[in-house]
Amino acid sequence: MKRAFRRGVHFATKPENKSHNLFEERLYKRFTYKGAKRRLIYKPDPKSETGYSKSKEQYWGNYISYLEKANRVMKPINGDDTIKRQYSKFWPMFGKEMKKAYKEIGEKVAKM
């Protein structure tokens, strides 16, 4: 996760990126509960009136959904929600990294 934020800061401070945004949607989708839902993938289709059509492929979620599945499988063995408790600190860590990244962007943009 930290590497993804560092990479986002790098690209946010490029001169080509005038808005200096962090591409938050991509980070939220990859590392939070907001991207953890399973859903169909839509592919470009010039024949469709919307330009996209449903495929039979599905997006399988992210790291959080993987941990939830692991917790569900391991709960009978462990007897409790051990895995769920371990990743409960993930959301505050995400917020901390987000603040740190925006601080870094501000510092780098000020130097430009």
PDB file of N, CA and C in Angstrom:
ATOM      1  N   MET A   1       0.843  -1.183   0.000  1.00  0.00           N
ATOM      2  CA  MET A   1       0.000   0.000   0.000  1.00  0.00           C
ATOM      3  C   MET A   1       0.883   1.240   0.000  1.00  0.00           C
ATOM      4  N   LYS A   2       1.928   1.233   0.826  1.00  0.00           N
ATOM      5  CA  LYS A   2       2.806   2.394   0.891  1.00  0.00           C
ATOM      6  C   LYS A   2       3.460   2.656  -0.458  1.00  0.00           C
ATOM      7  N   ARG A   3       3.829   1.603  -1.131  1.00  0.00           N
ATOM      8  CA  ARG A   3       4.454   1.743  -2.445  1.00  0.00           C
ATOM      9  C   ARG A   3       3.480   2.370  -3.445  1.00  0.00           C
ATOM     10  N   ALA A   4       2.238   1.976  -3.393  1.00  0.00           N
ATOM     11  CA  ALA A   4       1.234   2.534  -4.295  1.00  0.00           C
ATOM     12  C   ALA A   4       1.046   4.033  -4.040  1.00  0.00           C
ATOM     13  N   PHE A   5       1.075   4.435  -2.779  1.00  0.00           N
ATOM     14  CA  PHE A   5       0.964   5.863  -2.466  1.00  0.00           C
ATOM     15  C   PHE A   5       2.191   6.629  -2.952  1.00  0.00           C
ATOM     16  N   ARG A   6       3.386   6.062  -2.763  1.00  0.00           N
ATOM     17  CA  ARG A   6       4.600   6.730  -3.246  1.00  0.00           C
ATOM     18  C   ARG A   6       4.555   6.895  -4.758  1.00  0.00           C
ATOM     19  N   ARG A   7       4.086   5.879  -5.425  1.00  0.00           N
ATOM     20  CA  ARG A   7       3.965   5.934  -6.883  1.00  0.00           C
ATOM     21  C   ARG A   7       2.948   6.997  -7.297  1.00  0.00           C
ATOM     22  N   GLY A   8       1.850   7.078  -6.556  1.00  0.00           N
ATOM     23  CA  GLY A   8       0.843   8.092  -6.834  1.00  0.00           C
ATOM     24  C   GLY A   8       1.383   9.496  -6.653  1.00  0.00           C
ATOM     25  N   VAL A   9       2.202   9.707  -5.618  1.00  0.00           N
ATOM     26  CA  VAL A   9       2.818  11.016  -5.388  1.00  0.00           C
ATOM     27  C   VAL A   9       3.747  11.358  -6.543  1.00  0.00           C
ATOM     28  N   HIS A  10       4.503  10.383  -6.983  1.00  0.00           N
ATOM     29  CA  HIS A  10       5.424  10.602  -8.100  1.00  0.00           C
ATOM     30  C   HIS A  10       4.676  11.099  -9.340  1.00  0.00           C
ATOM     31  N   PHE A  11       3.596  10.432  -9.682  1.00  0.00           N
ATOM     32  CA  PHE A  11       2.857  10.814 -10.881  1.00  0.00           C
ATOM     33  C   PHE A  11       2.029  12.081 -10.672  1.00  0.00           C
ATOM     34  N   ALA A  12       1.628  12.356  -9.436  1.00  0.00           N
ATOM     35  CA  ALA A  12       0.856  13.569  -9.161  1.00  0.00           C
ATOM     36  C   ALA A  12       1.716  14.821  -9.289  1.00  0.00           C
ATOM     37  N   THR A  13       3.015  14.686  -9.070  1.00  0.00           N
ATOM     38  CA  THR A  13       3.898  15.848  -9.129  1.00  0.00           C
ATOM     39  C   THR A  13       4.557  16.031 -10.488  1.00  0.00           C
ATOM     40  N   LYS A  14       4.212  15.216 -11.455  1.00  0.00           N
ATOM     41  CA  LYS A  14       4.738  15.381 -12.806  1.00  0.00           C
ATOM     42  C   LYS A  14       4.216  16.687 -13.398  1.00  0.00           C
ATOM     43  N   PRO A  15       5.011  17.387 -14.192  1.00  0.00           N
ATOM     44  CA  PRO A  15       4.552  18.651 -14.806  1.00  0.00           C
ATOM     45  C   PRO A  15       3.359  18.457 -15.751  1.00  0.00           C
ATOM     46  N   GLU A  16       3.238  17.275 -16.344  1.00  0.00           N
ATOM     47  CA  GLU A  16       2.118  17.008 -17.261  1.00  0.00           C
ATOM     48  C   GLU A  16       0.780  16.974 -16.538  1.00  0.00           C
ATOM     49  N   ASN A  17       0.799  16.630 -15.256  1.00  0.00           N
ATOM     50  CA  ASN A  17      -0.419  16.534 -14.456  1.00  0.00           C
ATOM     51  C   ASN A  17      -0.683  17.898 -13.806  1.00  0.00           C
ATOM     52  N   LYS A  18      -1.479  18.704 -14.455  1.00  0.00           N
ATOM     53  CA  LYS A  18      -1.722  20.080 -13.994  1.00  0.00           C
ATOM     54  C   LYS A  18      -2.524  20.141 -12.702  1.00  0.00           C
ATOM     55  N   SER A  19      -3.404  19.167 -12.470  1.00  0.00           N
ATOM     56  CA  SER A  19      -4.254  19.210 -11.282  1.00  0.00           C
ATOM     57  C   SER A  19      -3.540  18.682 -10.033  1.00  0.00           C
ATOM     58  N   HIS A  20      -2.433  17.959 -10.223  1.00  0.00           N
ATOM     59  CA  HIS A  20      -1.664  17.369  -9.125  1.00  0.00           C
ATOM     60  C   HIS A  20      -2.537  16.512  -8.203  1.00  0.00           C
ATOM     61  N   ASN A  21      -3.453  15.756  -8.810  1.00  0.00           N
ATOM     62  CA  ASN A  21      -4.294  14.878  -7.988  1.00  0.00           C
ATOM     63  C   ASN A  21      -3.627  13.522  -7.798  1.00  0.00           C
ATOM     64  N   LEU A  22      -4.071  12.802  -6.815  1.00  0.00           N
ATOM     65  CA  LEU A  22      -3.447  11.550  -6.390  1.00  0.00           C
ATOM     66  C   LEU A  22      -4.091  10.317  -7.024  1.00  0.00           C
ATOM     67  N   PHE A  23      -5.112  10.475  -7.843  1.00  0.00           N
ATOM     68  CA  PHE A  23      -5.856   9.359  -8.417  1.00  0.00           C
ATOM     69  C   PHE A  23      -6.421   8.500  -7.298  1.00  0.00           C
ATOM     70  N   GLU A  24      -7.176   9.140  -6.414  1.00  0.00           N
ATOM     71  CA  GLU A  24      -7.709   8.503  -5.212  1.00  0.00           C
ATOM     72  C   GLU A  24      -8.603   7.316  -5.513  1.00  0.00           C
ATOM     73  N   GLU A  25      -9.405   7.423  -6.561  1.00  0.00           N
ATOM     74  CA  GLU A  25     -10.364   6.352  -6.854  1.00  0.00           C
ATOM     75  C   GLU A  25      -9.652   5.015  -7.016  1.00  0.00           C
ATOM     76  N   ARG A  26      -8.519   5.039  -7.690  1.00  0.00           N
ATOM     77  CA  ARG A  26      -7.762   3.813  -7.908  1.00  0.00           C
ATOM     78  C   ARG A  26      -7.264   3.238  -6.578  1.00  0.00           C
ATOM     79  N   LEU A  27      -6.800   4.103  -5.684  1.00  0.00           N
ATOM     80  CA  LEU A  27      -6.302   3.642  -4.388  1.00  0.00           C
ATOM     81  C   LEU A  27      -7.428   3.106  -3.518  1.00  0.00           C
ATOM     82  N   TYR A  28      -8.568   3.805  -3.504  1.00  0.00           N
ATOM     83  CA  TYR A  28      -9.716   3.331  -2.727  1.00  0.00           C
ATOM     84  C   TYR A  28     -10.183   1.968  -3.245  1.00  0.00           C
ATOM     85  N   LYS A  29     -10.181   1.805  -4.558  1.00  0.00           N
ATOM     86  CA  LYS A  29     -10.648   0.556  -5.152  1.00  0.00           C
ATOM     87  C   LYS A  29      -9.717  -0.602  -4.794  1.00  0.00           C
ATOM     88  N   ARG A  30      -8.433  -0.309  -4.737  1.00  0.00           N
ATOM     89  CA  ARG A  30      -7.454  -1.361  -4.489  1.00  0.00           C
ATOM     90  C   ARG A  30      -7.299  -1.750  -3.032  1.00  0.00           C
ATOM     91  N   PHE A  31      -7.466  -0.786  -2.126  1.00  0.00           N
ATOM     92  CA  PHE A  31      -7.081  -1.045  -0.748  1.00  0.00           C
ATOM     93  C   PHE A  31      -8.171  -0.874   0.298  1.00  0.00           C
ATOM     94  N   THR A  32      -9.399  -0.542  -0.072  1.00  0.00           N
ATOM     95  CA  THR A  32     -10.427  -0.341   0.946  1.00  0.00           C
ATOM     96  C   THR A  32     -11.650  -1.216   0.671  1.00  0.00           C
ATOM     97  N   TYR A  33     -12.576  -1.163   1.596  1.00  0.00           N
ATOM     98  CA  TYR A  33     -13.799  -1.942   1.461  1.00  0.00           C
ATOM     99  C   TYR A  33     -14.637  -1.471   0.277  1.00  0.00           C
ATOM    100  N   LYS A  34     -14.385  -0.274  -0.222  1.00  0.00           N
ATOM    101  CA  LYS A  34     -15.165   0.253  -1.349  1.00  0.00           C
ATOM    102  C   LYS A  34     -14.899  -0.505  -2.644  1.00  0.00           C
ATOM    103  N   GLY A  35     -13.736  -1.107  -2.767  1.00  0.00           N
ATOM    104  CA  GLY A  35     -13.407  -1.862  -3.966  1.00  0.00           C
ATOM    105  C   GLY A  35     -13.508  -3.350  -3.781  1.00  0.00           C
ATOM    106  N   ALA A  36     -14.019  -3.787  -2.659  1.00  0.00           N
ATOM    107  CA  ALA A  36     -13.998  -5.206  -2.320  1.00  0.00           C
ATOM    108  C   ALA A  36     -15.202  -5.985  -2.840  1.00  0.00           C
ATOM    109  N   LYS A  37     -16.040  -5.385  -3.612  1.00  0.00           N
ATOM    110  CA  LYS A  37     -17.246  -6.078  -4.077  1.00  0.00           C
ATOM    111  C   LYS A  37     -16.989  -6.763  -5.417  1.00  0.00           C
ATOM    112  N   ARG A  38     -17.571  -7.920  -5.579  1.00  0.00           N
ATOM    113  CA  ARG A  38     -17.476  -8.662  -6.822  1.00  0.00           C
ATOM    114  C   ARG A  38     -18.495  -8.107  -7.799  1.00  0.00           C
ATOM    115  N   ARG A  39     -18.076  -7.854  -9.041  1.00  0.00           N
ATOM    116  CA  ARG A  39     -18.987  -7.286 -10.031  1.00  0.00           C
ATOM    117  C   ARG A  39     -18.566  -7.689 -11.440  1.00  0.00           C
ATOM    118  N   LEU A  40     -19.482  -7.554 -12.383  1.00  0.00           N
ATOM    119  CA  LEU A  40     -19.204  -7.890 -13.774  1.00  0.00           C
ATOM    120  C   LEU A  40     -18.277  -6.857 -14.402  1.00  0.00           C
ATOM    121  N   ILE A  41     -17.483  -7.304 -15.353  1.00  0.00           N
ATOM    122  CA  ILE A  41     -16.604  -6.413 -16.104  1.00  0.00           C
ATOM    123  C   ILE A  41     -17.320  -6.038 -17.394  1.00  0.00           C
ATOM    124  N   TYR A  42     -17.329  -4.753 -17.709  1.00  0.00           N
ATOM    125  CA  TYR A  42     -17.895  -4.262 -18.960  1.00  0.00           C
ATOM    126  C   TYR A  42     -16.755  -4.000 -19.935  1.00  0.00           C
ATOM    127  N   LYS A  43     -16.914  -4.465 -21.183  1.00  0.00           N
ATOM    128  CA  LYS A  43     -15.873  -4.305 -22.197  1.00  0.00           C
ATOM    129  C   LYS A  43     -16.394  -3.401 -23.312  1.00  0.00           C
ATOM    130  N   PRO A  44     -15.489  -2.652 -23.963  1.00  0.00           N
ATOM    131  CA  PRO A  44     -15.909  -1.785 -25.069  1.00  0.00           C
ATOM    132  C   PRO A  44     -16.553  -2.597 -26.191  1.00  0.00           C
ATOM    133  N   ASP A  45     -17.672  -2.092 -26.695  1.00  0.00           N
ATOM    134  CA  ASP A  45     -18.404  -2.760 -27.764  1.00  0.00           C
ATOM    135  C   ASP A  45     -18.998  -1.693 -28.678  1.00  0.00           C
ATOM    136  N   PRO A  46     -18.455  -1.511 -29.877  1.00  0.00           N
ATOM    137  CA  PRO A  46     -18.965  -0.464 -30.773  1.00  0.00           C
ATOM    138  C   PRO A  46     -20.402  -0.715 -31.255  1.00  0.00           C
ATOM    139  N   LYS A  47     -20.870  -1.962 -31.188  1.00  0.00           N
ATOM    140  CA  LYS A  47     -22.224  -2.281 -31.634  1.00  0.00           C
ATOM    141  C   LYS A  47     -23.281  -1.881 -30.606  1.00  0.00           C
ATOM    142  N   SER A  48     -22.906  -1.765 -29.359  1.00  0.00           N
ATOM    143  CA  SER A  48     -23.848  -1.423 -28.302  1.00  0.00           C
ATOM    144  C   SER A  48     -24.142   0.069 -28.320  1.00  0.00           C
ATOM    145  N   GLU A  49     -25.357   0.455 -27.929  1.00  0.00           N
ATOM    146  CA  GLU A  49     -25.716   1.873 -27.929  1.00  0.00           C
ATOM    147  C   GLU A  49     -24.991   2.661 -26.832  1.00  0.00           C
ATOM    148  N   THR A  50     -24.595   1.993 -25.763  1.00  0.00           N
ATOM    149  CA  THR A  50     -23.854   2.676 -24.702  1.00  0.00           C
ATOM    150  C   THR A  50     -22.350   2.653 -24.955  1.00  0.00           C
ATOM    151  N   GLY A  51     -21.901   1.788 -25.865  1.00  0.00           N
ATOM    152  CA  GLY A  51     -20.480   1.667 -26.150  1.00  0.00           C
ATOM    153  C   GLY A  51     -19.808   0.554 -25.360  1.00  0.00           C
ATOM    154  N   TYR A  52     -20.539  -0.049 -24.426  1.00  0.00           N
ATOM    155  CA  TYR A  52     -19.994  -1.136 -23.611  1.00  0.00           C
ATOM    156  C   TYR A  52     -21.009  -2.263 -23.512  1.00  0.00           C
ATOM    157  N   SER A  53     -20.510  -3.479 -23.331  1.00  0.00           N
ATOM    158  CA  SER A  53     -21.402  -4.612 -23.115  1.00  0.00           C
ATOM    159  C   SER A  53     -20.846  -5.475 -21.975  1.00  0.00           C
ATOM    160  N   LYS A  54     -21.746  -6.189 -21.319  1.00  0.00           N
ATOM    161  CA  LYS A  54     -21.343  -7.065 -20.210  1.00  0.00           C
ATOM    162  C   LYS A  54     -20.534  -8.228 -20.750  1.00  0.00           C
ATOM    163  N   SER A  55     -19.522  -8.599 -20.020  1.00  0.00           N
ATOM    164  CA  SER A  55     -18.782  -9.801 -20.369  1.00  0.00           C
ATOM    165  C   SER A  55     -19.117 -10.871 -19.329  1.00  0.00           C
ATOM    166  N   LYS A  56     -18.629 -12.061 -19.545  1.00  0.00           N
ATOM    167  CA  LYS A  56     -18.889 -13.122 -18.576  1.00  0.00           C
ATOM    168  C   LYS A  56     -17.830 -13.129 -17.476  1.00  0.00           C
ATOM    169  N   GLU A  57     -16.821 -12.251 -17.604  1.00  0.00           N
ATOM    170  CA  GLU A  57     -15.771 -12.159 -16.604  1.00  0.00           C
ATOM    171  C   GLU A  57     -16.237 -11.319 -15.427  1.00  0.00           C
ATOM    172  N   GLN A  58     -15.660 -11.587 -14.276  1.00  0.00           N
ATOM    173  CA  GLN A  58     -16.014 -10.818 -13.087  1.00  0.00           C
ATOM    174  C   GLN A  58     -14.769 -10.299 -12.406  1.00  0.00           C
ATOM    175  N   TYR A  59     -14.892  -9.112 -11.847  1.00  0.00           N
ATOM    176  CA  TYR A  59     -13.834  -8.528 -11.039  1.00  0.00           C
ATOM    177  C   TYR A  59     -13.959  -9.154  -9.657  1.00  0.00           C
ATOM    178  N   TRP A  60     -12.884  -9.681  -9.124  1.00  0.00           N
ATOM    179  CA  TRP A  60     -12.959 -10.481  -7.911  1.00  0.00           C
ATOM    180  C   TRP A  60     -12.707  -9.732  -6.622  1.00  0.00           C
ATOM    181  N   GLY A  61     -12.552  -8.456  -6.647  1.00  0.00           N
ATOM    182  CA  GLY A  61     -12.370  -7.723  -5.406  1.00  0.00           C
ATOM    183  C   GLY A  61     -10.936  -7.287  -5.211  1.00  0.00           C
ATOM    184  N   ASN A  62     -10.515  -7.146  -3.973  1.00  0.00           N
ATOM    185  CA  ASN A  62      -9.173  -6.670  -3.662  1.00  0.00           C
ATOM    186  C   ASN A  62      -8.638  -7.396  -2.429  1.00  0.00           C
ATOM    187  N   TYR A  63      -7.642  -6.821  -1.799  1.00  0.00           N
ATOM    188  CA  TYR A  63      -6.994  -7.431  -0.645  1.00  0.00           C
ATOM    189  C   TYR A  63      -7.967  -7.619   0.519  1.00  0.00           C
ATOM    190  N   ILE A  64      -8.839  -6.651   0.744  1.00  0.00           N
ATOM    191  CA  ILE A  64      -9.809  -6.752   1.844  1.00  0.00           C
ATOM    192  C   ILE A  64     -10.774  -7.911   1.598  1.00  0.00           C
ATOM    193  N   SER A  65     -11.256  -8.056   0.369  1.00  0.00           N
ATOM    194  CA  SER A  65     -12.175  -9.164   0.094  1.00  0.00           C
ATOM    195  C   SER A  65     -11.471 -10.514   0.248  1.00  0.00           C
ATOM    196  N   TYR A  66     -10.186 -10.551  -0.101  1.00  0.00           N
ATOM    197  CA  TYR A  66      -9.401 -11.773   0.106  1.00  0.00           C
ATOM    198  C   TYR A  66      -9.327 -12.116   1.597  1.00  0.00           C
ATOM    199  N   LEU A  67      -9.078 -11.111   2.433  1.00  0.00           N
ATOM    200  CA  LEU A  67      -8.990 -11.347   3.875  1.00  0.00           C
ATOM    201  C   LEU A  67     -10.337 -11.771   4.463  1.00  0.00           C
ATOM    202  N   GLU A  68     -11.421 -11.203   3.945  1.00  0.00           N
ATOM    203  CA  GLU A  68     -12.743 -11.612   4.426  1.00  0.00           C
ATOM    204  C   GLU A  68     -13.028 -13.063   4.086  1.00  0.00           C
ATOM    205  N   LYS A  69     -12.650 -13.483   2.878  1.00  0.00           N
ATOM    206  CA  LYS A  69     -12.835 -14.882   2.487  1.00  0.00           C
ATOM    207  C   LYS A  69     -11.972 -15.797   3.354  1.00  0.00           C
ATOM    208  N   ALA A  70     -10.723 -15.377   3.599  1.00  0.00           N
ATOM    209  CA  ALA A  70      -9.829 -16.178   4.437  1.00  0.00           C
ATOM    210  C   ALA A  70     -10.382 -16.296   5.853  1.00  0.00           C
ATOM    211  N   ASN A  71     -10.948 -15.222   6.380  1.00  0.00           N
ATOM    212  CA  ASN A  71     -11.534 -15.257   7.717  1.00  0.00           C
ATOM    213  C   ASN A  71     -12.711 -16.226   7.768  1.00  0.00           C
ATOM    214  N   ARG A  72     -13.538 -16.212   6.724  1.00  0.00           N
ATOM    215  CA  ARG A  72     -14.702 -17.086   6.668  1.00  0.00           C
ATOM    216  C   ARG A  72     -14.267 -18.563   6.649  1.00  0.00           C
ATOM    217  N   VAL A  73     -13.197 -18.857   5.909  1.00  0.00           N
ATOM    218  CA  VAL A  73     -12.716 -20.232   5.813  1.00  0.00           C
ATOM    219  C   VAL A  73     -12.038 -20.671   7.108  1.00  0.00           C
ATOM    220  N   MET A  74     -11.277 -19.779   7.721  1.00  0.00           N
ATOM    221  CA  MET A  74     -10.486 -20.139   8.903  1.00  0.00           C
ATOM    222  C   MET A  74     -11.253 -20.020  10.217  1.00  0.00           C
ATOM    223  N   LYS A  75     -12.435 -19.422  10.206  1.00  0.00           N
ATOM    224  CA  LYS A  75     -13.194 -19.221  11.444  1.00  0.00           C
ATOM    225  C   LYS A  75     -13.483 -20.539  12.175  1.00  0.00           C
ATOM    226  N   PRO A  76     -13.897 -21.605  11.480  1.00  0.00           N
ATOM    227  CA  PRO A  76     -14.126 -22.866  12.206  1.00  0.00           C
ATOM    228  C   PRO A  76     -12.849 -23.443  12.820  1.00  0.00           C
ATOM    229  N   ILE A  77     -11.717 -23.199  12.193  1.00  0.00           N
ATOM    230  CA  ILE A  77     -10.445 -23.720  12.694  1.00  0.00           C
ATOM    231  C   ILE A  77      -9.954 -22.880  13.874  1.00  0.00           C
ATOM    232  N   ASN A  78      -9.975 -21.552  13.697  1.00  0.00           N
ATOM    233  CA  ASN A  78      -9.495 -20.642  14.744  1.00  0.00           C
ATOM    234  C   ASN A  78     -10.481 -20.508  15.897  1.00  0.00           C
ATOM    235  N   GLY A  79     -11.746 -20.633  15.600  1.00  0.00           N
ATOM    236  CA  GLY A  79     -12.769 -20.482  16.625  1.00  0.00           C
ATOM    237  C   GLY A  79     -13.239 -19.049  16.814  1.00  0.00           C
ATOM    238  N   ASP A  80     -12.585 -18.095  16.163  1.00  0.00           N
ATOM    239  CA  ASP A  80     -12.998 -16.690  16.278  1.00  0.00           C
ATOM    240  C   ASP A  80     -12.554 -15.926  15.022  1.00  0.00           C
ATOM    241  N   ASP A  81     -12.751 -14.611  15.040  1.00  0.00           N
ATOM    242  CA  ASP A  81     -12.423 -13.757  13.896  1.00  0.00           C
ATOM    243  C   ASP A  81     -11.002 -13.205  14.002  1.00  0.00           C
ATOM    244  N   THR A  82     -10.023 -14.062  14.122  1.00  0.00           N
ATOM    245  CA  THR A  82      -8.637 -13.628  14.281  1.00  0.00           C
ATOM    246  C   THR A  82      -8.163 -12.802  13.091  1.00  0.00           C
ATOM    247  N   ILE A  83      -8.430 -13.256  11.895  1.00  0.00           N
ATOM    248  CA  ILE A  83      -7.971 -12.560  10.693  1.00  0.00           C
ATOM    249  C   ILE A  83      -8.674 -11.217  10.564  1.00  0.00           C
ATOM    250  N   LYS A  84      -9.946 -11.175  10.870  1.00  0.00           N
ATOM    251  CA  LYS A  84     -10.705  -9.925  10.779  1.00  0.00           C
ATOM    252  C   LYS A  84     -10.139  -8.875  11.743  1.00  0.00           C
ATOM    253  N   ARG A  85      -9.762  -9.287  12.923  1.00  0.00           N
ATOM    254  CA  ARG A  85      -9.175  -8.350  13.893  1.00  0.00           C
ATOM    255  C   ARG A  85      -7.831  -7.826  13.405  1.00  0.00           C
ATOM    256  N   GLN A  86      -7.073  -8.667  12.716  1.00  0.00           N
ATOM    257  CA  GLN A  86      -5.757  -8.253  12.230  1.00  0.00           C
ATOM    258  C   GLN A  86      -5.863  -7.169  11.166  1.00  0.00           C
ATOM    259  N   TYR A  87      -6.857  -7.250  10.299  1.00  0.00           N
ATOM    260  CA  TYR A  87      -6.938  -6.238   9.255  1.00  0.00           C
ATOM    261  C   TYR A  87      -7.849  -5.067   9.625  1.00  0.00           C
ATOM    262  N   SER A  88      -8.316  -5.014  10.859  1.00  0.00           N
ATOM    263  CA  SER A  88      -9.157  -3.881  11.272  1.00  0.00           C
ATOM    264  C   SER A  88      -8.352  -2.585  11.356  1.00  0.00           C
ATOM    265  N   LYS A  89      -7.042  -2.668  11.473  1.00  0.00           N
ATOM    266  CA  LYS A  89      -6.194  -1.480  11.531  1.00  0.00           C
ATOM    267  C   LYS A  89      -5.866  -0.938  10.143  1.00  0.00           C
ATOM    268  N   PHE A  90      -6.307  -1.613   9.135  1.00  0.00           N
ATOM    269  CA  PHE A  90      -5.957  -1.256   7.761  1.00  0.00           C
ATOM    270  C   PHE A  90      -6.540   0.094   7.357  1.00  0.00           C
ATOM    271  N   TRP A  91      -7.765   0.393   7.725  1.00  0.00           N
ATOM    272  CA  TRP A  91      -8.431   1.639   7.346  1.00  0.00           C
ATOM    273  C   TRP A  91      -7.719   2.859   7.934  1.00  0.00           C
ATOM    274  N   PRO A  92      -7.375   2.878   9.239  1.00  0.00           N
ATOM    275  CA  PRO A  92      -6.618   4.022   9.760  1.00  0.00           C
ATOM    276  C   PRO A  92      -5.250   4.183   9.095  1.00  0.00           C
ATOM    277  N   MET A  93      -4.601   3.071   8.744  1.00  0.00           N
ATOM    278  CA  MET A  93      -3.315   3.150   8.045  1.00  0.00           C
ATOM    279  C   MET A  93      -3.495   3.772   6.674  1.00  0.00           C
ATOM    280  N   PHE A  94      -4.599   3.457   6.013  1.00  0.00           N
ATOM    281  CA  PHE A  94      -4.885   4.023   4.696  1.00  0.00           C
ATOM    282  C   PHE A  94      -5.046   5.542   4.809  1.00  0.00           C
ATOM    283  N   GLY A  95      -5.798   5.993   5.807  1.00  0.00           N
ATOM    284  CA  GLY A  95      -5.990   7.429   6.018  1.00  0.00           C
ATOM    285  C   GLY A  95      -4.688   8.147   6.322  1.00  0.00           C
ATOM    286  N   LYS A  96      -3.846   7.517   7.119  1.00  0.00           N
ATOM    287  CA  LYS A  96      -2.554   8.099   7.469  1.00  0.00           C
ATOM    288  C   LYS A  96      -1.677   8.252   6.222  1.00  0.00           C
ATOM    289  N   GLU A  97      -1.655   7.236   5.376  1.00  0.00           N
ATOM    290  CA  GLU A  97      -0.872   7.295   4.146  1.00  0.00           C
ATOM    291  C   GLU A  97      -1.429   8.347   3.177  1.00  0.00           C
ATOM    292  N   MET A  98      -2.753   8.500   3.156  1.00  0.00           N
ATOM    293  CA  MET A  98      -3.375   9.507   2.285  1.00  0.00           C
ATOM    294  C   MET A  98      -2.940  10.913   2.708  1.00  0.00           C
ATOM    295  N   LYS A  99      -2.984  11.196   4.003  1.00  0.00           N
ATOM    296  CA  LYS A  99      -2.562  12.511   4.505  1.00  0.00           C
ATOM    297  C   LYS A  99      -1.091  12.764   4.208  1.00  0.00           C
ATOM    298  N   LYS A 100      -0.274  11.760   4.426  1.00  0.00           N
ATOM    299  CA  LYS A 100       1.157  11.875   4.180  1.00  0.00           C
ATOM    300  C   LYS A 100       1.427  12.155   2.697  1.00  0.00           C
ATOM    301  N   ALA A 101       0.696  11.482   1.819  1.00  0.00           N
ATOM    302  CA  ALA A 101       0.880  11.667   0.382  1.00  0.00           C
ATOM    303  C   ALA A 101       0.508  13.085  -0.043  1.00  0.00           C
ATOM    304  N   TYR A 102      -0.607  13.612   0.462  1.00  0.00           N
ATOM    305  CA  TYR A 102      -1.005  14.963   0.080  1.00  0.00           C
ATOM    306  C   TYR A 102      -0.033  16.001   0.635  1.00  0.00           C
ATOM    307  N   LYS A 103       0.534  15.731   1.795  1.00  0.00           N
ATOM    308  CA  LYS A 103       1.533  16.639   2.356  1.00  0.00           C
ATOM    309  C   LYS A 103       2.763  16.655   1.446  1.00  0.00           C
ATOM    310  N   GLU A 104       3.197  15.486   1.008  1.00  0.00           N
ATOM    311  CA  GLU A 104       4.342  15.366   0.101  1.00  0.00           C
ATOM    312  C   GLU A 104       4.082  16.068  -1.222  1.00  0.00           C
ATOM    313  N   ILE A 105       2.875  15.908  -1.758  1.00  0.00           N
ATOM    314  CA  ILE A 105       2.524  16.563  -3.023  1.00  0.00           C
ATOM    315  C   ILE A 105       2.609  18.074  -2.849  1.00  0.00           C
ATOM    316  N   GLY A 106       2.067  18.571  -1.758  1.00  0.00           N
ATOM    317  CA  GLY A 106       2.101  20.007  -1.504  1.00  0.00           C
ATOM    318  C   GLY A 106       3.515  20.541  -1.425  1.00  0.00           C
ATOM    319  N   GLU A 107       4.396  19.804  -0.756  1.00  0.00           N
ATOM    320  CA  GLU A 107       5.786  20.227  -0.635  1.00  0.00           C
ATOM    321  C   GLU A 107       6.486  20.223  -1.984  1.00  0.00           C
ATOM    322  N   LYS A 108       6.264  19.187  -2.787  1.00  0.00           N
ATOM    323  CA  LYS A 108       6.930  19.090  -4.093  1.00  0.00           C
ATOM    324  C   LYS A 108       6.407  20.125  -5.067  1.00  0.00           C
ATOM    325  N   VAL A 109       5.101  20.408  -5.028  1.00  0.00           N
ATOM    326  CA  VAL A 109       4.515  21.399  -5.923  1.00  0.00           C
ATOM    327  C   VAL A 109       5.007  22.798  -5.558  1.00  0.00           C
ATOM    328  N   ALA A 110       5.186  23.057  -4.268  1.00  0.00           N
ATOM    329  CA  ALA A 110       5.672  24.367  -3.822  1.00  0.00           C
ATOM    330  C   ALA A 110       7.094  24.618  -4.334  1.00  0.00           C
ATOM    331  N   LYS A 111       7.899  23.571  -4.462  1.00  0.00           N
ATOM    332  CA  LYS A 111       9.260  23.719  -4.946  1.00  0.00           C
ATOM    333  C   LYS A 111       9.325  23.972  -6.455  1.00  0.00           C
ATOM    334  N   MET A 112       8.284  23.597  -7.181  1.00  0.00           N
ATOM    335  CA  MET A 112       8.279  23.733  -8.641  1.00  0.00           C
ATOM    336  C   MET A 112       8.264  25.157  -9.089  1.00  0.00           C
TER     337      MET A 112
END
